[in-house]
Amino acid sequence: MGGWIWALIPAVMVGGGWVGDNVRGALKMRHERRMELLQAAERQQLALDAASRPPEPVCGCTHHLAKHDKHGKCHEAVEVPTAWDAERKPLQFEPRQCNCQQYVGPEPLGTVFAPEIVDPR
């Protein structure tokens, strides 16, 4: 009666290794697919959030519309390189006014003029 147990133990150990590898591989693949789905859902949510936001009024000089006056001149201070090394990498910087001459970013909708609709009677 105990002889068949000795035959079963090696079969389970040999077969258990193959089954264990397959189960581990399947669980790993399932985990990778689940992570890909979660990342895709996160990317989609970020894209939806970005699409629903209005455009930021940022100029080509990377400064906000609030840093520009009525004529479009930028009043933000920037660091400009004043000295370079032999490899043309900047060594020293000096604060100066941004040389942007005109605001070129998106216009906020509040500045668009729309005449009132009146009844022509």
N, C-alpha and C. Protein backbone atom coordinates (compact mmCIF):
# COMPACT_ATOMS: atom_id res chain seq x y z
N MET A 1 0.82 -1.18 0.00
CA MET A 1 0.00 0.00 0.00
C MET A 1 0.87 1.25 0.00
N GLY A 2 1.99 1.27 0.65
CA GLY A 2 2.84 2.45 0.73
C GLY A 2 3.76 2.59 -0.46
N GLY A 3 3.82 1.58 -1.36
CA GLY A 3 4.71 1.63 -2.51
C GLY A 3 4.28 2.65 -3.56
N TRP A 4 2.99 2.85 -3.70
CA TRP A 4 2.53 3.80 -4.72
C TRP A 4 2.83 5.23 -4.32
N ILE A 5 2.95 5.53 -3.02
CA ILE A 5 3.28 6.88 -2.56
C ILE A 5 4.69 7.25 -3.01
N TRP A 6 5.62 6.26 -2.93
CA TRP A 6 6.98 6.53 -3.37
C TRP A 6 7.04 6.80 -4.87
N ALA A 7 6.15 6.22 -5.62
CA ALA A 7 6.10 6.49 -7.06
C ALA A 7 5.43 7.83 -7.34
N LEU A 8 4.52 8.23 -6.47
CA LEU A 8 3.78 9.48 -6.66
C LEU A 8 4.64 10.70 -6.31
N ILE A 9 5.51 10.59 -5.34
CA ILE A 9 6.32 11.73 -4.90
C ILE A 9 7.22 12.26 -6.02
N PRO A 10 8.00 11.43 -6.72
CA PRO A 10 8.81 11.97 -7.83
C PRO A 10 7.95 12.54 -8.96
N ALA A 11 6.80 11.91 -9.24
CA ALA A 11 5.92 12.41 -10.30
C ALA A 11 5.40 13.80 -9.95
N VAL A 12 5.04 14.00 -8.70
CA VAL A 12 4.53 15.30 -8.27
C VAL A 12 5.66 16.33 -8.30
N MET A 13 6.84 15.91 -7.87
CA MET A 13 7.96 16.86 -7.84
C MET A 13 8.36 17.26 -9.26
N VAL A 14 8.46 16.31 -10.18
CA VAL A 14 8.83 16.62 -11.56
C VAL A 14 7.70 17.38 -12.24
N GLY A 15 6.49 16.89 -12.10
CA GLY A 15 5.33 17.55 -12.70
C GLY A 15 5.04 18.89 -12.01
N GLY A 16 5.27 18.95 -10.72
CA GLY A 16 5.02 20.20 -9.97
C GLY A 16 5.93 21.31 -10.44
N GLY A 17 7.17 20.98 -10.83
CA GLY A 17 8.07 21.99 -11.36
C GLY A 17 7.55 22.55 -12.67
N TRP A 18 7.06 21.69 -13.54
CA TRP A 18 6.52 22.13 -14.83
C TRP A 18 5.24 22.94 -14.63
N VAL A 19 4.36 22.44 -13.75
CA VAL A 19 3.11 23.15 -13.46
C VAL A 19 3.42 24.48 -12.77
N GLY A 20 4.33 24.47 -11.85
CA GLY A 20 4.69 25.69 -11.14
C GLY A 20 5.24 26.76 -12.08
N ASP A 21 6.11 26.31 -13.02
CA ASP A 21 6.65 27.26 -14.00
C ASP A 21 5.55 27.84 -14.86
N ASN A 22 4.63 27.00 -15.31
CA ASN A 22 3.53 27.49 -16.14
C ASN A 22 2.62 28.45 -15.38
N VAL A 23 2.33 28.13 -14.11
CA VAL A 23 1.48 29.01 -13.31
C VAL A 23 2.18 30.33 -13.05
N ARG A 24 3.47 30.28 -12.70
CA ARG A 24 4.21 31.52 -12.47
C ARG A 24 4.28 32.37 -13.74
N GLY A 25 4.52 31.71 -14.88
CA GLY A 25 4.57 32.43 -16.16
C GLY A 25 3.23 33.07 -16.49
N ALA A 26 2.16 32.32 -16.26
CA ALA A 26 0.82 32.86 -16.55
C ALA A 26 0.50 34.04 -15.63
N LEU A 27 0.85 33.92 -14.35
CA LEU A 27 0.59 35.02 -13.42
C LEU A 27 1.43 36.25 -13.77
N LYS A 28 2.66 36.03 -14.19
CA LYS A 28 3.52 37.15 -14.59
C LYS A 28 2.95 37.85 -15.82
N MET A 29 2.52 37.07 -16.80
CA MET A 29 1.93 37.65 -18.01
C MET A 29 0.66 38.42 -17.68
N ARG A 30 -0.16 37.86 -16.80
CA ARG A 30 -1.40 38.53 -16.39
C ARG A 30 -1.07 39.84 -15.70
N HIS A 31 -0.06 39.82 -14.84
CA HIS A 31 0.35 41.04 -14.14
C HIS A 31 0.84 42.10 -15.13
N GLU A 32 1.67 41.68 -16.11
CA GLU A 32 2.18 42.64 -17.10
C GLU A 32 1.05 43.24 -17.92
N ARG A 33 0.09 42.41 -18.33
CA ARG A 33 -1.06 42.92 -19.09
C ARG A 33 -1.89 43.88 -18.25
N ARG A 34 -2.08 43.54 -16.99
CA ARG A 34 -2.87 44.41 -16.09
C ARG A 34 -2.16 45.75 -15.90
N MET A 35 -0.85 45.74 -15.75
CA MET A 35 -0.09 46.99 -15.61
C MET A 35 -0.17 47.83 -16.89
N GLU A 36 -0.11 47.17 -18.07
CA GLU A 36 -0.25 47.89 -19.33
C GLU A 36 -1.62 48.54 -19.43
N LEU A 37 -2.67 47.83 -19.02
CA LEU A 37 -4.01 48.40 -19.05
C LEU A 37 -4.14 49.58 -18.10
N LEU A 38 -3.55 49.49 -16.92
CA LEU A 38 -3.59 50.59 -15.97
C LEU A 38 -2.84 51.81 -16.50
N GLN A 39 -1.68 51.56 -17.12
CA GLN A 39 -0.91 52.68 -17.68
C GLN A 39 -1.65 53.32 -18.85
N ALA A 40 -2.32 52.51 -19.67
CA ALA A 40 -3.09 53.05 -20.80
C ALA A 40 -4.26 53.89 -20.28
N ALA A 41 -4.92 53.42 -19.23
CA ALA A 41 -6.03 54.18 -18.66
C ALA A 41 -5.53 55.50 -18.06
N GLU A 42 -4.35 55.46 -17.43
CA GLU A 42 -3.78 56.69 -16.86
C GLU A 42 -3.41 57.68 -17.96
N ARG A 43 -2.80 57.17 -19.05
CA ARG A 43 -2.46 58.05 -20.18
C ARG A 43 -3.71 58.67 -20.79
N GLN A 44 -4.77 57.86 -20.90
CA GLN A 44 -6.02 58.37 -21.46
C GLN A 44 -6.61 59.45 -20.56
N GLN A 45 -6.59 59.24 -19.26
CA GLN A 45 -7.13 60.23 -18.33
C GLN A 45 -6.32 61.52 -18.38
N LEU A 46 -4.99 61.41 -18.48
CA LEU A 46 -4.15 62.60 -18.59
C LEU A 46 -4.44 63.36 -19.88
N ALA A 47 -4.66 62.62 -20.98
CA ALA A 47 -4.99 63.26 -22.25
C ALA A 47 -6.35 63.96 -22.17
N LEU A 48 -7.32 63.33 -21.53
CA LEU A 48 -8.63 63.96 -21.37
C LEU A 48 -8.55 65.22 -20.52
N ASP A 49 -7.77 65.15 -19.44
CA ASP A 49 -7.60 66.33 -18.59
C ASP A 49 -6.92 67.46 -19.35
N ALA A 50 -5.90 67.12 -20.14
CA ALA A 50 -5.20 68.15 -20.91
C ALA A 50 -6.10 68.74 -21.98
N ALA A 51 -6.96 67.93 -22.58
CA ALA A 51 -7.85 68.43 -23.62
C ALA A 51 -8.93 69.34 -23.07
N SER A 52 -9.33 69.14 -21.83
CA SER A 52 -10.39 69.97 -21.26
C SER A 52 -9.88 71.28 -20.67
N ARG A 53 -8.57 71.41 -20.50
CA ARG A 53 -8.00 72.65 -19.97
C ARG A 53 -7.88 73.68 -21.08
N PRO A 54 -8.16 74.95 -20.78
CA PRO A 54 -7.94 75.98 -21.80
C PRO A 54 -6.44 76.19 -21.99
N PRO A 55 -6.03 76.72 -23.14
CA PRO A 55 -4.60 76.92 -23.36
C PRO A 55 -4.04 77.98 -22.41
N GLU A 56 -2.83 77.73 -21.94
CA GLU A 56 -2.16 78.69 -21.07
C GLU A 56 -1.67 79.86 -21.90
N PRO A 57 -1.89 81.08 -21.46
CA PRO A 57 -1.40 82.23 -22.22
C PRO A 57 0.09 82.43 -21.99
N VAL A 58 0.90 81.59 -22.62
CA VAL A 58 2.35 81.65 -22.48
C VAL A 58 2.94 82.01 -23.83
N CYS A 59 3.83 82.97 -23.83
CA CYS A 59 4.45 83.49 -25.05
C CYS A 59 5.57 82.55 -25.52
N GLY A 60 6.11 82.83 -26.69
CA GLY A 60 7.22 82.06 -27.22
C GLY A 60 8.47 82.18 -26.36
N CYS A 61 8.55 83.26 -25.57
CA CYS A 61 9.69 83.44 -24.67
C CYS A 61 9.48 82.67 -23.36
N THR A 62 8.42 81.89 -23.27
CA THR A 62 8.02 81.04 -22.13
C THR A 62 7.51 81.84 -20.94
N HIS A 63 7.22 83.11 -21.10
CA HIS A 63 6.67 83.92 -20.01
C HIS A 63 5.17 84.09 -20.20
N HIS A 64 4.47 84.22 -19.10
CA HIS A 64 3.02 84.33 -19.09
C HIS A 64 2.57 85.68 -19.65
N LEU A 65 1.32 85.74 -20.09
CA LEU A 65 0.75 86.98 -20.61
C LEU A 65 0.81 88.10 -19.58
N ALA A 66 0.72 87.75 -18.29
CA ALA A 66 0.75 88.76 -17.23
C ALA A 66 2.09 89.48 -17.17
N LYS A 67 3.15 88.90 -17.73
CA LYS A 67 4.47 89.54 -17.72
C LYS A 67 4.65 90.51 -18.89
N HIS A 68 3.66 90.60 -19.79
CA HIS A 68 3.73 91.48 -20.96
C HIS A 68 2.81 92.68 -20.74
N ASP A 69 3.22 93.84 -21.24
CA ASP A 69 2.37 95.02 -21.11
C ASP A 69 1.33 95.06 -22.23
N LYS A 70 0.56 96.15 -22.31
CA LYS A 70 -0.51 96.27 -23.31
C LYS A 70 0.03 96.24 -24.73
N HIS A 71 1.27 96.66 -24.92
CA HIS A 71 1.86 96.68 -26.25
C HIS A 71 2.56 95.37 -26.59
N GLY A 72 2.61 94.42 -25.65
CA GLY A 72 3.19 93.11 -25.91
C GLY A 72 4.63 92.96 -25.46
N LYS A 73 5.28 94.02 -24.96
CA LYS A 73 6.68 93.94 -24.53
C LYS A 73 6.77 93.18 -23.21
N CYS A 74 7.73 92.28 -23.13
CA CYS A 74 7.91 91.44 -21.94
C CYS A 74 8.72 92.19 -20.89
N HIS A 75 8.32 92.09 -19.62
CA HIS A 75 9.01 92.77 -18.52
C HIS A 75 9.60 91.78 -17.52
N GLU A 76 9.82 90.56 -17.92
CA GLU A 76 10.41 89.55 -17.04
C GLU A 76 11.93 89.59 -17.14
N ALA A 77 12.59 89.33 -16.02
CA ALA A 77 14.06 89.28 -16.00
C ALA A 77 14.51 87.86 -16.34
N VAL A 78 15.53 87.75 -17.18
CA VAL A 78 16.09 86.45 -17.55
C VAL A 78 17.60 86.47 -17.32
N GLU A 79 18.19 85.28 -17.18
CA GLU A 79 19.64 85.20 -17.02
C GLU A 79 20.26 84.99 -18.40
N VAL A 80 21.16 85.89 -18.77
CA VAL A 80 21.81 85.85 -20.07
C VAL A 80 23.28 85.51 -19.86
N PRO A 81 23.84 84.57 -20.65
CA PRO A 81 25.26 84.25 -20.50
C PRO A 81 26.14 85.42 -20.93
N THR A 82 27.20 85.66 -20.15
CA THR A 82 28.12 86.76 -20.46
C THR A 82 29.55 86.28 -20.69
N ALA A 83 29.87 85.06 -20.32
CA ALA A 83 31.23 84.52 -20.53
C ALA A 83 31.11 83.03 -20.86
N TRP A 84 32.00 82.58 -21.78
CA TRP A 84 31.97 81.19 -22.22
C TRP A 84 33.36 80.58 -22.08
N ASP A 85 33.39 79.25 -21.99
CA ASP A 85 34.68 78.55 -21.93
C ASP A 85 35.12 78.17 -23.34
N ALA A 86 36.18 77.38 -23.45
CA ALA A 86 36.72 76.99 -24.75
C ALA A 86 35.75 76.12 -25.54
N GLU A 87 34.88 75.39 -24.85
CA GLU A 87 33.91 74.52 -25.52
C GLU A 87 32.59 75.24 -25.77
N ARG A 88 32.58 76.54 -25.63
CA ARG A 88 31.43 77.41 -25.87
C ARG A 88 30.26 77.11 -24.93
N LYS A 89 30.60 76.70 -23.71
CA LYS A 89 29.59 76.50 -22.68
C LYS A 89 29.58 77.75 -21.80
N PRO A 90 28.40 78.26 -21.44
CA PRO A 90 28.35 79.48 -20.63
C PRO A 90 28.95 79.27 -19.25
N LEU A 91 29.73 80.26 -18.81
CA LEU A 91 30.35 80.22 -17.49
C LEU A 91 29.68 81.19 -16.52
N GLN A 92 29.36 82.39 -17.00
CA GLN A 92 28.75 83.42 -16.15
C GLN A 92 27.43 83.86 -16.76
N PHE A 93 26.53 84.25 -15.86
CA PHE A 93 25.22 84.73 -16.28
C PHE A 93 24.96 86.08 -15.63
N GLU A 94 24.15 86.90 -16.30
CA GLU A 94 23.81 88.22 -15.82
C GLU A 94 22.31 88.42 -15.98
N PRO A 95 21.62 88.96 -14.97
CA PRO A 95 20.18 89.19 -15.13
C PRO A 95 19.94 90.39 -16.06
N ARG A 96 19.06 90.20 -17.04
CA ARG A 96 18.67 91.26 -17.96
C ARG A 96 17.18 91.14 -18.26
N GLN A 97 16.63 92.16 -18.86
CA GLN A 97 15.23 92.12 -19.24
C GLN A 97 15.06 91.22 -20.46
N CYS A 98 13.97 90.49 -20.50
CA CYS A 98 13.69 89.61 -21.64
C CYS A 98 13.57 90.45 -22.90
N ASN A 99 14.17 89.99 -23.99
CA ASN A 99 14.17 90.78 -25.21
C ASN A 99 13.00 90.44 -26.13
N CYS A 100 11.99 89.76 -25.61
CA CYS A 100 10.79 89.47 -26.39
C CYS A 100 10.11 90.80 -26.72
N GLN A 101 9.81 91.03 -27.98
CA GLN A 101 9.26 92.31 -28.41
C GLN A 101 7.75 92.33 -28.49
N GLN A 102 7.12 91.17 -28.59
CA GLN A 102 5.67 91.14 -28.72
C GLN A 102 5.15 89.80 -28.23
N TYR A 103 4.00 89.85 -27.54
CA TYR A 103 3.36 88.63 -27.07
C TYR A 103 2.80 87.88 -28.27
N VAL A 104 3.15 86.58 -28.40
CA VAL A 104 2.69 85.79 -29.54
C VAL A 104 1.93 84.54 -29.10
N GLY A 105 1.56 84.46 -27.84
CA GLY A 105 0.84 83.29 -27.34
C GLY A 105 -0.64 83.37 -27.66
N PRO A 106 -1.42 82.40 -27.15
CA PRO A 106 -2.86 82.40 -27.41
C PRO A 106 -3.55 83.56 -26.71
N GLU A 107 -4.53 84.13 -27.36
CA GLU A 107 -5.29 85.23 -26.76
C GLU A 107 -6.39 84.65 -25.89
N PRO A 108 -6.51 85.12 -24.66
CA PRO A 108 -7.62 84.66 -23.81
C PRO A 108 -8.95 85.11 -24.40
N LEU A 109 -9.99 84.32 -24.21
CA LEU A 109 -11.28 84.63 -24.80
C LEU A 109 -11.90 85.91 -24.26
N GLY A 110 -11.51 86.36 -23.08
CA GLY A 110 -12.07 87.57 -22.50
C GLY A 110 -11.71 88.81 -23.30
N THR A 111 -10.68 88.78 -24.13
CA THR A 111 -10.27 89.96 -24.88
C THR A 111 -10.88 90.02 -26.27
N VAL A 112 -11.65 89.00 -26.65
CA VAL A 112 -12.28 88.99 -27.96
C VAL A 112 -13.50 89.90 -27.92
N PHE A 113 -13.64 90.78 -28.90
CA PHE A 113 -14.75 91.71 -28.94
C PHE A 113 -15.89 91.09 -29.73
N ALA A 114 -17.05 91.04 -29.13
CA ALA A 114 -18.26 90.57 -29.81
C ALA A 114 -19.34 91.63 -29.61
N PRO A 115 -19.83 92.26 -30.69
CA PRO A 115 -20.85 93.29 -30.53
C PRO A 115 -22.15 92.69 -30.01
N GLU A 116 -22.89 93.49 -29.27
CA GLU A 116 -24.16 93.03 -28.74
C GLU A 116 -25.16 92.86 -29.87
N ILE A 117 -25.99 91.86 -29.72
CA ILE A 117 -27.02 91.64 -30.72
C ILE A 117 -28.23 92.49 -30.31
N VAL A 118 -28.66 93.37 -31.20
CA VAL A 118 -29.79 94.23 -30.91
C VAL A 118 -30.92 93.95 -31.91
N ASP A 119 -32.11 94.20 -31.47
CA ASP A 119 -33.27 94.00 -32.34
C ASP A 119 -33.37 95.19 -33.29
N PRO A 120 -33.28 94.99 -34.61
CA PRO A 120 -33.24 96.10 -35.55
C PRO A 120 -34.60 96.77 -35.80
N ARG A 121 -35.60 96.58 -35.01
CA ARG A 121 -36.93 97.17 -35.23
C ARG A 121 -36.95 98.63 -35.07
